[in-house]
Every structure is written in structure tokens, then in C-alpha cells.
Amino acid sequence: FMAGQVQMRTLFIDAGAAPVSLDGCCVLAVSPLLRELILRAVQLE
């Protein structure tokens, strides 16, 4: 569900490449570096 104007920049990760520590839904604090990497990954698509 969206609240406000949402600019979704989402990643879909192969199950075999997913970090083993993340075995359930959880909220994660996005670092400034990761934010820039996500935006760059979108461009590279």
C-alpha cells in the first residue's frame, strides 16, 4: 500500500544469491552507499 507519491526502486534477487542471514521479512536501514548503488543498478538495466 502506497502513502504519498512513491518512487519505488526495488531489487529482485536470485534465491541462490540472497544473504543467508535474511530468512524472513524485515525492515533494513539503507546506507547512503547502497542507495546510490540501487539507483545506479536501475540505470544499468
PDB file of all heavy atoms in Angstrom:
ATOM      1  N   PHE A   1       0.850  -1.184   0.000  1.00  0.00           N
ATOM      2  CA  PHE A   1       0.000   0.000   0.000  1.00  0.00           C
ATOM      3  C   PHE A   1       0.889   1.239   0.000  1.00  0.00           C
ATOM      4  O   PHE A   1       1.854   1.323   0.772  1.00  0.00           O
ATOM      5  CB  PHE A   1      -0.905   0.003   1.229  1.00  0.00           C
ATOM      6  CG  PHE A   1      -1.850  -1.172   1.293  1.00  0.00           C
ATOM      7  CD1 PHE A   1      -1.440  -2.388   1.847  1.00  0.00           C
ATOM      8  CD2 PHE A   1      -3.139  -1.066   0.803  1.00  0.00           C
ATOM      9  CE1 PHE A   1      -2.301  -3.471   1.904  1.00  0.00           C
ATOM     10  CE2 PHE A   1      -4.012  -2.156   0.851  1.00  0.00           C
ATOM     11  CZ  PHE A   1      -3.595  -3.348   1.401  1.00  0.00           C
ATOM     12  N   MET A   2       0.573   2.219  -0.860  1.00  0.00           N
ATOM     13  CA  MET A   2       1.389   3.418  -1.009  1.00  0.00           C
ATOM     14  C   MET A   2       0.784   4.594  -0.250  1.00  0.00           C
ATOM     15  O   MET A   2      -0.435   4.797  -0.258  1.00  0.00           O
ATOM     16  CB  MET A   2       1.504   3.806  -2.488  1.00  0.00           C
ATOM     17  CG  MET A   2       1.835   2.660  -3.425  1.00  0.00           C
ATOM     18  SD  MET A   2       3.428   1.875  -3.075  1.00  0.00           S
ATOM     19  CE  MET A   2       3.318   0.435  -4.156  1.00  0.00           C
ATOM     20  N   ALA A   3       1.649   5.382   0.399  1.00  0.00           N
ATOM     21  CA  ALA A   3       1.235   6.610   1.069  1.00  0.00           C
ATOM     22  C   ALA A   3       2.072   7.752   0.506  1.00  0.00           C
ATOM     23  O   ALA A   3       3.290   7.758   0.644  1.00  0.00           O
ATOM     24  CB  ALA A   3       1.424   6.506   2.579  1.00  0.00           C
ATOM     25  N   GLY A   4       1.429   8.700  -0.147  1.00  0.00           N
ATOM     26  CA  GLY A   4       2.147   9.764  -0.832  1.00  0.00           C
ATOM     27  C   GLY A   4       2.582   9.313  -2.216  1.00  0.00           C
ATOM     28  O   GLY A   4       2.321   8.192  -2.650  1.00  0.00           O
ATOM     29  N   GLN A   5       3.252  10.211  -2.929  1.00  0.00           N
ATOM     30  CA  GLN A   5       3.806   9.869  -4.233  1.00  0.00           C
ATOM     31  C   GLN A   5       5.025   8.974  -4.022  1.00  0.00           C
ATOM     32  O   GLN A   5       6.000   9.384  -3.393  1.00  0.00           O
ATOM     33  CB  GLN A   5       4.224  11.144  -4.973  1.00  0.00           C
ATOM     34  CG  GLN A   5       3.090  12.142  -5.167  1.00  0.00           C
ATOM     35  CD  GLN A   5       2.066  11.662  -6.160  1.00  0.00           C
ATOM     36  OE1 GLN A   5       2.403  11.157  -7.220  1.00  0.00           O
ATOM     37  NE2 GLN A   5       0.796  11.815  -5.827  1.00  0.00           N
ATOM     38  N   VAL A   6       4.967   7.764  -4.528  1.00  0.00           N
ATOM     39  CA  VAL A   6       6.021   6.775  -4.267  1.00  0.00           C
ATOM     40  C   VAL A   6       6.855   6.545  -5.519  1.00  0.00           C
ATOM     41  O   VAL A   6       6.322   6.271  -6.592  1.00  0.00           O
ATOM     42  CB  VAL A   6       5.414   5.437  -3.791  1.00  0.00           C
ATOM     43  CG1 VAL A   6       6.487   4.348  -3.728  1.00  0.00           C
ATOM     44  CG2 VAL A   6       4.757   5.606  -2.423  1.00  0.00           C
ATOM     45  N   GLN A   7       8.163   6.682  -5.357  1.00  0.00           N
ATOM     46  CA  GLN A   7       9.115   6.323  -6.412  1.00  0.00           C
ATOM     47  C   GLN A   7       9.817   5.043  -5.963  1.00  0.00           C
ATOM     48  O   GLN A   7      10.799   5.066  -5.232  1.00  0.00           O
ATOM     49  CB  GLN A   7      10.125   7.444  -6.648  1.00  0.00           C
ATOM     50  CG  GLN A   7       9.520   8.683  -7.293  1.00  0.00           C
ATOM     51  CD  GLN A   7      10.579   9.720  -7.615  1.00  0.00           C
ATOM     52  OE1 GLN A   7      11.599   9.820  -6.929  1.00  0.00           O
ATOM     53  NE2 GLN A   7      10.337  10.517  -8.638  1.00  0.00           N
ATOM     54  N   MET A   8       9.252   3.919  -6.374  1.00  0.00           N
ATOM     55  CA  MET A   8       9.793   2.629  -5.960  1.00  0.00           C
ATOM     56  C   MET A   8      11.015   2.286  -6.807  1.00  0.00           C
ATOM     57  O   MET A   8      10.979   2.346  -8.029  1.00  0.00           O
ATOM     58  CB  MET A   8       8.729   1.531  -6.119  1.00  0.00           C
ATOM     59  CG  MET A   8       9.180   0.161  -5.634  1.00  0.00           C
ATOM     60  SD  MET A   8       7.995  -1.147  -6.053  1.00  0.00           S
ATOM     61  CE  MET A   8       6.616  -0.722  -5.005  1.00  0.00           C
ATOM     62  N   ARG A   9      12.098   1.926  -6.144  1.00  0.00           N
ATOM     63  CA  ARG A   9      13.320   1.467  -6.810  1.00  0.00           C
ATOM     64  C   ARG A   9      13.674   0.146  -6.132  1.00  0.00           C
ATOM     65  O   ARG A   9      14.288   0.130  -5.071  1.00  0.00           O
ATOM     66  CB  ARG A   9      14.457   2.495  -6.672  1.00  0.00           C
ATOM     67  CG  ARG A   9      14.103   3.883  -7.204  1.00  0.00           C
ATOM     68  CD  ARG A   9      13.844   3.865  -8.700  1.00  0.00           C
ATOM     69  NE  ARG A   9      13.535   5.179  -9.238  1.00  0.00           N
ATOM     70  CZ  ARG A   9      12.318   5.625  -9.493  1.00  0.00           C
ATOM     71  NH1 ARG A   9      11.262   4.869  -9.213  1.00  0.00           N
ATOM     72  NH2 ARG A   9      12.132   6.819 -10.024  1.00  0.00           N
ATOM     73  N   THR A  10      13.218  -0.948  -6.687  1.00  0.00           N
ATOM     74  CA  THR A  10      13.251  -2.222  -5.992  1.00  0.00           C
ATOM     75  C   THR A  10      14.161  -3.216  -6.693  1.00  0.00           C
ATOM     76  O   THR A  10      14.373  -3.129  -7.909  1.00  0.00           O
ATOM     77  CB  THR A  10      11.812  -2.782  -5.865  1.00  0.00           C
ATOM     78  OG1 THR A  10      11.798  -3.897  -4.985  1.00  0.00           O
ATOM     79  CG2 THR A  10      11.250  -3.186  -7.216  1.00  0.00           C
ATOM     80  N   LEU A  11      14.710  -4.143  -5.925  1.00  0.00           N
ATOM     81  CA  LEU A  11      15.618  -5.157  -6.443  1.00  0.00           C
ATOM     82  C   LEU A  11      14.977  -6.533  -6.303  1.00  0.00           C
ATOM     83  O   LEU A  11      14.381  -6.840  -5.267  1.00  0.00           O
ATOM     84  CB  LEU A  11      16.936  -5.144  -5.662  1.00  0.00           C
ATOM     85  CG  LEU A  11      17.693  -3.828  -5.589  1.00  0.00           C
ATOM     86  CD1 LEU A  11      18.908  -3.975  -4.668  1.00  0.00           C
ATOM     87  CD2 LEU A  11      18.123  -3.355  -6.962  1.00  0.00           C
ATOM     88  N   PHE A  12      15.127  -7.349  -7.338  1.00  0.00           N
ATOM     89  CA  PHE A  12      14.713  -8.745  -7.293  1.00  0.00           C
ATOM     90  C   PHE A  12      15.975  -9.591  -7.388  1.00  0.00           C
ATOM     91  O   PHE A  12      16.731  -9.476  -8.359  1.00  0.00           O
ATOM     92  CB  PHE A  12      13.738  -9.056  -8.419  1.00  0.00           C
ATOM     93  CG  PHE A  12      12.442  -8.306  -8.301  1.00  0.00           C
ATOM     94  CD1 PHE A  12      12.263  -7.100  -8.949  1.00  0.00           C
ATOM     95  CD2 PHE A  12      11.421  -8.796  -7.515  1.00  0.00           C
ATOM     96  CE1 PHE A  12      11.080  -6.389  -8.834  1.00  0.00           C
ATOM     97  CE2 PHE A  12      10.222  -8.095  -7.384  1.00  0.00           C
ATOM     98  CZ  PHE A  12      10.049  -6.896  -8.049  1.00  0.00           C
ATOM     99  N   ILE A  13      16.196 -10.417  -6.372  1.00  0.00           N
ATOM    100  CA  ILE A  13      17.477 -11.104  -6.205  1.00  0.00           C
ATOM    101  C   ILE A  13      17.273 -12.605  -6.304  1.00  0.00           C
ATOM    102  O   ILE A  13      16.393 -13.176  -5.640  1.00  0.00           O
ATOM    103  CB  ILE A  13      18.100 -10.729  -4.840  1.00  0.00           C
ATOM    104  CG1 ILE A  13      18.351  -9.213  -4.799  1.00  0.00           C
ATOM    105  CG2 ILE A  13      19.391 -11.501  -4.597  1.00  0.00           C
ATOM    106  CD1 ILE A  13      18.716  -8.684  -3.432  1.00  0.00           C
ATOM    107  N   ASP A  14      18.090 -13.238  -7.128  1.00  0.00           N
ATOM    108  CA  ASP A  14      18.027 -14.689  -7.289  1.00  0.00           C
ATOM    109  C   ASP A  14      18.127 -15.365  -5.920  1.00  0.00           C
ATOM    110  O   ASP A  14      18.940 -14.977  -5.081  1.00  0.00           O
ATOM    111  CB  ASP A  14      19.167 -15.153  -8.198  1.00  0.00           C
ATOM    112  CG  ASP A  14      19.119 -16.644  -8.451  1.00  0.00           C
ATOM    113  OD1 ASP A  14      18.396 -17.069  -9.358  1.00  0.00           O
ATOM    114  OD2 ASP A  14      19.810 -17.376  -7.722  1.00  0.00           O
ATOM    115  N   ALA A  15      17.271 -16.365  -5.702  1.00  0.00           N
ATOM    116  CA  ALA A  15      17.216 -17.017  -4.389  1.00  0.00           C
ATOM    117  C   ALA A  15      18.581 -17.561  -3.961  1.00  0.00           C
ATOM    118  O   ALA A  15      18.941 -17.522  -2.778  1.00  0.00           O
ATOM    119  CB  ALA A  15      16.181 -18.141  -4.403  1.00  0.00           C
ATOM    120  N   GLY A  16      19.369 -18.041  -4.904  1.00  0.00           N
ATOM    121  CA  GLY A  16      20.676 -18.586  -4.576  1.00  0.00           C
ATOM    122  C   GLY A  16      21.703 -17.541  -4.197  1.00  0.00           C
ATOM    123  O   GLY A  16      22.741 -17.865  -3.607  1.00  0.00           O
ATOM    124  N   ALA A  17      21.423 -16.267  -4.521  1.00  0.00           N
ATOM    125  CA  ALA A  17      22.362 -15.185  -4.207  1.00  0.00           C
ATOM    126  C   ALA A  17      21.950 -14.401  -2.970  1.00  0.00           C
ATOM    127  O   ALA A  17      22.682 -13.513  -2.526  1.00  0.00           O
ATOM    128  CB  ALA A  17      22.476 -14.234  -5.401  1.00  0.00           C
ATOM    129  N   ALA A  18      20.794 -14.717  -2.389  1.00  0.00           N
ATOM    130  CA  ALA A  18      20.300 -13.962  -1.240  1.00  0.00           C
ATOM    131  C   ALA A  18      21.175 -14.206  -0.008  1.00  0.00           C
ATOM    132  O   ALA A  18      21.607 -15.330   0.230  1.00  0.00           O
ATOM    133  CB  ALA A  18      18.863 -14.363  -0.946  1.00  0.00           C
ATOM    134  N   PRO A  19      21.442 -13.171   0.792  1.00  0.00           N
ATOM    135  CA  PRO A  19      22.210 -13.352   2.029  1.00  0.00           C
ATOM    136  C   PRO A  19      21.538 -14.372   2.945  1.00  0.00           C
ATOM    137  O   PRO A  19      20.332 -14.301   3.184  1.00  0.00           O
ATOM    138  CB  PRO A  19      22.204 -11.948   2.655  1.00  0.00           C
ATOM    139  CG  PRO A  19      21.988 -11.016   1.509  1.00  0.00           C
ATOM    140  CD  PRO A  19      21.101 -11.748   0.560  1.00  0.00           C
ATOM    141  N   VAL A  20      22.304 -15.313   3.460  1.00  0.00           N
ATOM    142  CA  VAL A  20      21.726 -16.390   4.272  1.00  0.00           C
ATOM    143  C   VAL A  20      21.155 -15.862   5.585  1.00  0.00           C
ATOM    144  O   VAL A  20      20.296 -16.507   6.188  1.00  0.00           O
ATOM    145  CB  VAL A  20      22.774 -17.484   4.556  1.00  0.00           C
ATOM    146  CG1 VAL A  20      23.178 -18.177   3.272  1.00  0.00           C
ATOM    147  CG2 VAL A  20      24.001 -16.897   5.271  1.00  0.00           C
ATOM    148  N   SER A  21      21.608 -14.693   6.033  1.00  0.00           N
ATOM    149  CA  SER A  21      21.132 -14.146   7.304  1.00  0.00           C
ATOM    150  C   SER A  21      19.719 -13.597   7.211  1.00  0.00           C
ATOM    151  O   SER A  21      19.076 -13.350   8.237  1.00  0.00           O
ATOM    152  CB  SER A  21      22.075 -13.040   7.786  1.00  0.00           C
ATOM    153  OG  SER A  21      22.150 -11.998   6.820  1.00  0.00           O
ATOM    154  N   LEU A  22      19.216 -13.392   5.995  1.00  0.00           N
ATOM    155  CA  LEU A  22      17.893 -12.798   5.804  1.00  0.00           C
ATOM    156  C   LEU A  22      16.905 -13.898   5.426  1.00  0.00           C
ATOM    157  O   LEU A  22      16.663 -14.160   4.253  1.00  0.00           O
ATOM    158  CB  LEU A  22      17.952 -11.717   4.726  1.00  0.00           C
ATOM    159  CG  LEU A  22      18.875 -10.527   5.031  1.00  0.00           C
ATOM    160  CD1 LEU A  22      18.927  -9.569   3.857  1.00  0.00           C
ATOM    161  CD2 LEU A  22      18.417  -9.803   6.291  1.00  0.00           C
ATOM    162  N   ASP A  23      16.321 -14.529   6.435  1.00  0.00           N
ATOM    163  CA  ASP A  23      15.421 -15.656   6.185  1.00  0.00           C
ATOM    164  C   ASP A  23      13.960 -15.311   6.432  1.00  0.00           C
ATOM    165  O   ASP A  23      13.092 -16.173   6.381  1.00  0.00           O
ATOM    166  CB  ASP A  23      15.822 -16.856   7.036  1.00  0.00           C
ATOM    167  CG  ASP A  23      15.851 -16.534   8.523  1.00  0.00           C
ATOM    168  OD1 ASP A  23      15.583 -15.360   8.884  1.00  0.00           O
ATOM    169  OD2 ASP A  23      16.138 -17.428   9.323  1.00  0.00           O
ATOM    170  N   GLY A  24      13.673 -14.052   6.722  1.00  0.00           N
ATOM    171  CA  GLY A  24      12.291 -13.617   6.926  1.00  0.00           C
ATOM    172  C   GLY A  24      12.145 -12.153   6.553  1.00  0.00           C
ATOM    173  O   GLY A  24      13.143 -11.444   6.363  1.00  0.00           O
ATOM    174  N   CYS A  25      10.903 -11.688   6.440  1.00  0.00           N
ATOM    175  CA  CYS A  25      10.687 -10.273   6.137  1.00  0.00           C
ATOM    176  C   CYS A  25      11.237  -9.409   7.270  1.00  0.00           C
ATOM    177  O   CYS A  25      11.060  -9.729   8.448  1.00  0.00           O
ATOM    178  CB  CYS A  25       9.203  -9.987   5.960  1.00  0.00           C
ATOM    179  SG  CYS A  25       8.453 -10.723   4.494  1.00  0.00           S
ATOM    180  N   CYS A  26      11.888  -8.313   6.918  1.00  0.00           N
ATOM    181  CA  CYS A  26      12.417  -7.391   7.924  1.00  0.00           C
ATOM    182  C   CYS A  26      12.690  -6.042   7.279  1.00  0.00           C
ATOM    183  O   CYS A  26      12.940  -5.951   6.066  1.00  0.00           O
ATOM    184  CB  CYS A  26      13.698  -7.940   8.555  1.00  0.00           C
ATOM    185  SG  CYS A  26      15.026  -8.300   7.382  1.00  0.00           S
ATOM    186  N   VAL A  27      12.628  -4.992   8.086  1.00  0.00           N
ATOM    187  CA  VAL A  27      12.952  -3.647   7.618  1.00  0.00           C
ATOM    188  C   VAL A  27      14.428  -3.383   7.867  1.00  0.00           C
ATOM    189  O   VAL A  27      14.946  -3.663   8.946  1.00  0.00           O
ATOM    190  CB  VAL A  27      12.088  -2.587   8.327  1.00  0.00           C
ATOM    191  CG1 VAL A  27      12.502  -1.180   7.897  1.00  0.00           C
ATOM    192  CG2 VAL A  27      10.615  -2.802   8.008  1.00  0.00           C
ATOM    193  N   LEU A  28      15.102  -2.840   6.856  1.00  0.00           N
ATOM    194  CA  LEU A  28      16.536  -2.599   6.916  1.00  0.00           C
ATOM    195  C   LEU A  28      16.837  -1.123   6.641  1.00  0.00           C
ATOM    196  O   LEU A  28      16.194  -0.501   5.796  1.00  0.00           O
ATOM    197  CB  LEU A  28      17.263  -3.466   5.872  1.00  0.00           C
ATOM    198  CG  LEU A  28      17.056  -4.979   6.008  1.00  0.00           C
ATOM    199  CD1 LEU A  28      17.547  -5.694   4.757  1.00  0.00           C
ATOM    200  CD2 LEU A  28      17.761  -5.517   7.243  1.00  0.00           C
ATOM    201  N   ALA A  29      17.794  -0.581   7.381  1.00  0.00           N
ATOM    202  CA  ALA A  29      18.214   0.809   7.182  1.00  0.00           C
ATOM    203  C   ALA A  29      19.148   0.884   5.972  1.00  0.00           C
ATOM    204  O   ALA A  29      20.200   0.254   5.959  1.00  0.00           O
ATOM    205  CB  ALA A  29      18.920   1.326   8.430  1.00  0.00           C
ATOM    206  N   VAL A  30      18.750   1.639   4.975  1.00  0.00           N
ATOM    207  CA  VAL A  30      19.518   1.724   3.727  1.00  0.00           C
ATOM    208  C   VAL A  30      20.658   2.726   3.904  1.00  0.00           C
ATOM    209  O   VAL A  30      20.430   3.890   4.228  1.00  0.00           O
ATOM    210  CB  VAL A  30      18.611   2.139   2.551  1.00  0.00           C
ATOM    211  CG1 VAL A  30      19.414   2.309   1.276  1.00  0.00           C
ATOM    212  CG2 VAL A  30      17.524   1.094   2.340  1.00  0.00           C
ATOM    213  N   SER A  31      21.872   2.266   3.692  1.00  0.00           N
ATOM    214  CA  SER A  31      23.037   3.144   3.802  1.00  0.00           C
ATOM    215  C   SER A  31      23.108   4.075   2.595  1.00  0.00           C
ATOM    216  O   SER A  31      22.568   3.763   1.521  1.00  0.00           O
ATOM    217  CB  SER A  31      24.322   2.304   3.874  1.00  0.00           C
ATOM    218  OG  SER A  31      24.517   1.604   2.645  1.00  0.00           O
ATOM    219  N   PRO A  32      23.769   5.235   2.732  1.00  0.00           N
ATOM    220  CA  PRO A  32      23.921   6.130   1.575  1.00  0.00           C
ATOM    221  C   PRO A  32      24.583   5.446   0.379  1.00  0.00           C
ATOM    222  O   PRO A  32      24.188   5.675  -0.776  1.00  0.00           O
ATOM    223  CB  PRO A  32      24.800   7.269   2.126  1.00  0.00           C
ATOM    224  CG  PRO A  32      24.507   7.286   3.594  1.00  0.00           C
ATOM    225  CD  PRO A  32      24.310   5.843   3.967  1.00  0.00           C
ATOM    226  N   LEU A  33      25.569   4.584   0.652  1.00  0.00           N
ATOM    227  CA  LEU A  33      26.226   3.876  -0.449  1.00  0.00           C
ATOM    228  C   LEU A  33      25.250   2.956  -1.163  1.00  0.00           C
ATOM    229  O   LEU A  33      25.190   2.928  -2.405  1.00  0.00           O
ATOM    230  CB  LEU A  33      27.408   3.062   0.088  1.00  0.00           C
ATOM    231  CG  LEU A  33      28.102   2.135  -0.932  1.00  0.00           C
ATOM    232  CD1 LEU A  33      28.606   2.921  -2.133  1.00  0.00           C
ATOM    233  CD2 LEU A  33      29.220   1.354  -0.264  1.00  0.00           C
ATOM    234  N   LEU A  34      24.452   2.200  -0.402  1.00  0.00           N
ATOM    235  CA  LEU A  34      23.507   1.282  -1.031  1.00  0.00           C
ATOM    236  C   LEU A  34      22.458   2.047  -1.825  1.00  0.00           C
ATOM    237  O   LEU A  34      22.061   1.613  -2.911  1.00  0.00           O
ATOM    238  CB  LEU A  34      22.843   0.398   0.017  1.00  0.00           C
ATOM    239  CG  LEU A  34      21.837  -0.624  -0.533  1.00  0.00           C
ATOM    240  CD1 LEU A  34      22.493  -1.538  -1.570  1.00  0.00           C
ATOM    241  CD2 LEU A  34      21.224  -1.453   0.592  1.00  0.00           C
ATOM    242  N   ARG A  35      21.999   3.157  -1.288  1.00  0.00           N
ATOM    243  CA  ARG A  35      21.039   3.976  -2.028  1.00  0.00           C
ATOM    244  C   ARG A  35      21.562   4.341  -3.405  1.00  0.00           C
ATOM    245  O   ARG A  35      20.882   4.204  -4.429  1.00  0.00           O
ATOM    246  CB  ARG A  35      20.716   5.233  -1.227  1.00  0.00           C
ATOM    247  CG  ARG A  35      19.923   6.279  -1.983  1.00  0.00           C
ATOM    248  CD  ARG A  35      19.780   7.555  -1.159  1.00  0.00           C
ATOM    249  NE  ARG A  35      19.445   8.668  -2.001  1.00  0.00           N
ATOM    250  CZ  ARG A  35      20.330   9.427  -2.644  1.00  0.00           C
ATOM    251  NH1 ARG A  35      21.620   9.166  -2.535  1.00  0.00           N
ATOM    252  NH2 ARG A  35      19.940  10.430  -3.395  1.00  0.00           N
ATOM    253  N   GLU A  36      22.818   4.795  -3.462  1.00  0.00           N
ATOM    254  CA  GLU A  36      23.404   5.172  -4.750  1.00  0.00           C
ATOM    255  C   GLU A  36      23.596   3.953  -5.650  1.00  0.00           C
ATOM    256  O   GLU A  36      23.412   4.031  -6.871  1.00  0.00           O
ATOM    257  CB  GLU A  36      24.745   5.881  -4.525  1.00  0.00           C
ATOM    258  CG  GLU A  36      24.630   7.205  -3.789  1.00  0.00           C
ATOM    259  CD  GLU A  36      23.754   8.205  -4.526  1.00  0.00           C
ATOM    260  OE1 GLU A  36      23.752   8.200  -5.784  1.00  0.00           O
ATOM    261  OE2 GLU A  36      23.049   8.976  -3.850  1.00  0.00           O
ATOM    262  N   LEU A  37      23.940   2.818  -5.055  1.00  0.00           N
ATOM    263  CA  LEU A  37      24.114   1.597  -5.847  1.00  0.00           C
ATOM    264  C   LEU A  37      22.785   1.133  -6.445  1.00  0.00           C
ATOM    265  O   LEU A  37      22.746   0.658  -7.589  1.00  0.00           O
ATOM    266  CB  LEU A  37      24.704   0.492  -4.979  1.00  0.00           C
ATOM    267  CG  LEU A  37      26.180   0.633  -4.596  1.00  0.00           C
ATOM    268  CD1 LEU A  37      26.555  -0.402  -3.528  1.00  0.00           C
ATOM    269  CD2 LEU A  37      27.079   0.471  -5.818  1.00  0.00           C
ATOM    270  N   ILE A  38      21.699   1.273  -5.676  1.00  0.00           N
ATOM    271  CA  ILE A  38      20.385   0.895  -6.197  1.00  0.00           C
ATOM    272  C   ILE A  38      20.016   1.768  -7.388  1.00  0.00           C
ATOM    273  O   ILE A  38      19.576   1.275  -8.436  1.00  0.00           O
ATOM    274  CB  ILE A  38      19.310   0.999  -5.096  1.00  0.00           C
ATOM    275  CG1 ILE A  38      19.548  -0.064  -4.022  1.00  0.00           C
ATOM    276  CG2 ILE A  38      17.908   0.849  -5.681  1.00  0.00           C
ATOM    277  CD1 ILE A  38      18.696   0.125  -2.781  1.00  0.00           C
ATOM    278  N   LEU A  39      20.209   3.074  -7.246  1.00  0.00           N
ATOM    279  CA  LEU A  39      19.881   3.981  -8.352  1.00  0.00           C
ATOM    280  C   LEU A  39      20.753   3.692  -9.571  1.00  0.00           C
ATOM    281  O   LEU A  39      20.283   3.750 -10.716  1.00  0.00           O
ATOM    282  CB  LEU A  39      20.050   5.433  -7.898  1.00  0.00           C
ATOM    283  CG  LEU A  39      19.163   5.869  -6.724  1.00  0.00           C
ATOM    284  CD1 LEU A  39      19.418   7.328  -6.388  1.00  0.00           C
ATOM    285  CD2 LEU A  39      17.694   5.640  -7.025  1.00  0.00           C
ATOM    286  N   ARG A  40      22.007   3.352  -9.332  1.00  0.00           N
ATOM    287  CA  ARG A  40      22.909   3.014 -10.446  1.00  0.00           C
ATOM    288  C   ARG A  40      22.490   1.695 -11.102  1.00  0.00           C
ATOM    289  O   ARG A  40      22.527   1.572 -12.340  1.00  0.00           O
ATOM    290  CB  ARG A  40      24.343   2.917  -9.938  1.00  0.00           C
ATOM    291  CG  ARG A  40      25.377   2.689 -11.034  1.00  0.00           C
ATOM    292  CD  ARG A  40      25.330   3.808 -12.043  1.00  0.00           C
ATOM    293  NE  ARG A  40      26.377   3.677 -13.052  1.00  0.00           N
ATOM    294  CZ  ARG A  40      26.275   4.161 -14.286  1.00  0.00           C
ATOM    295  NH1 ARG A  40      25.176   4.820 -14.670  1.00  0.00           N
ATOM    296  NH2 ARG A  40      27.259   4.015 -15.138  1.00  0.00           N
ATOM    297  N   ALA A  41      22.058   0.728 -10.287  1.00  0.00           N
ATOM    298  CA  ALA A  41      21.608  -0.553 -10.836  1.00  0.00           C
ATOM    299  C   ALA A  41      20.399  -0.356 -11.738  1.00  0.00           C
ATOM    300  O   ALA A  41      20.263  -1.026 -12.776  1.00  0.00           O
ATOM    301  CB  ALA A  41      21.280  -1.511  -9.696  1.00  0.00           C
ATOM    302  N   VAL A  42      19.499   0.563 -11.363  1.00  0.00           N
ATOM    303  CA  VAL A  42      18.345   0.867 -12.206  1.00  0.00           C
ATOM    304  C   VAL A  42      18.801   1.429 -13.553  1.00  0.00           C
ATOM    305  O   VAL A  42      18.314   1.030 -14.617  1.00  0.00           O
ATOM    306  CB  VAL A  42      17.401   1.857 -11.496  1.00  0.00           C
ATOM    307  CG1 VAL A  42      16.333   2.370 -12.460  1.00  0.00           C
ATOM    308  CG2 VAL A  42      16.743   1.193 -10.282  1.00  0.00           C
ATOM    309  N   GLN A  43      19.756   2.350 -13.518  1.00  0.00           N
ATOM    310  CA  GLN A  43      20.274   2.927 -14.761  1.00  0.00           C
ATOM    311  C   GLN A  43      20.902   1.865 -15.654  1.00  0.00           C
ATOM    312  O   GLN A  43      20.709   1.852 -16.874  1.00  0.00           O
ATOM    313  CB  GLN A  43      21.309   4.010 -14.447  1.00  0.00           C
ATOM    314  CG  GLN A  43      20.745   5.241 -13.768  1.00  0.00           C
ATOM    315  CD  GLN A  43      21.838   6.219 -13.377  1.00  0.00           C
ATOM    316  OE1 GLN A  43      23.006   5.832 -13.183  1.00  0.00           O
ATOM    317  NE2 GLN A  43      21.484   7.485 -13.250  1.00  0.00           N
ATOM    318  N   LEU A  44      21.652   0.954 -15.049  1.00  0.00           N
ATOM    319  CA  LEU A  44      22.387  -0.050 -15.828  1.00  0.00           C
ATOM    320  C   LEU A  44      21.466  -1.077 -16.483  1.00  0.00           C
ATOM    321  O   LEU A  44      21.886  -1.764 -17.421  1.00  0.00           O
ATOM    322  CB  LEU A  44      23.405  -0.760 -14.922  1.00  0.00           C
ATOM    323  CG  LEU A  44      24.597   0.095 -14.485  1.00  0.00           C
ATOM    324  CD1 LEU A  44      25.413  -0.635 -13.423  1.00  0.00           C
ATOM    325  CD2 LEU A  44      25.485   0.457 -15.673  1.00  0.00           C
ATOM    326  N   GLU A  45      20.225  -1.196 -15.994  1.00  0.00           N
ATOM    327  CA  GLU A  45      19.281  -2.114 -16.622  1.00  0.00           C
ATOM    328  C   GLU A  45      19.030  -1.731 -18.083  1.00  0.00           C
ATOM    329  O   GLU A  45      18.700  -2.575 -18.912  1.00  0.00           O
ATOM    330  CB  GLU A  45      17.948  -2.120 -15.860  1.00  0.00           C
ATOM    331  CG  GLU A  45      18.005  -2.782 -14.504  1.00  0.00           C
ATOM    332  CD  GLU A  45      18.127  -4.296 -14.585  1.00  0.00           C
ATOM    333  OE1 GLU A  45      17.587  -4.899 -15.522  1.00  0.00           O
ATOM    334  OE2 GLU A  45      18.767  -4.869 -13.681  1.00  0.00           O
TER     335      GLU A  45
END
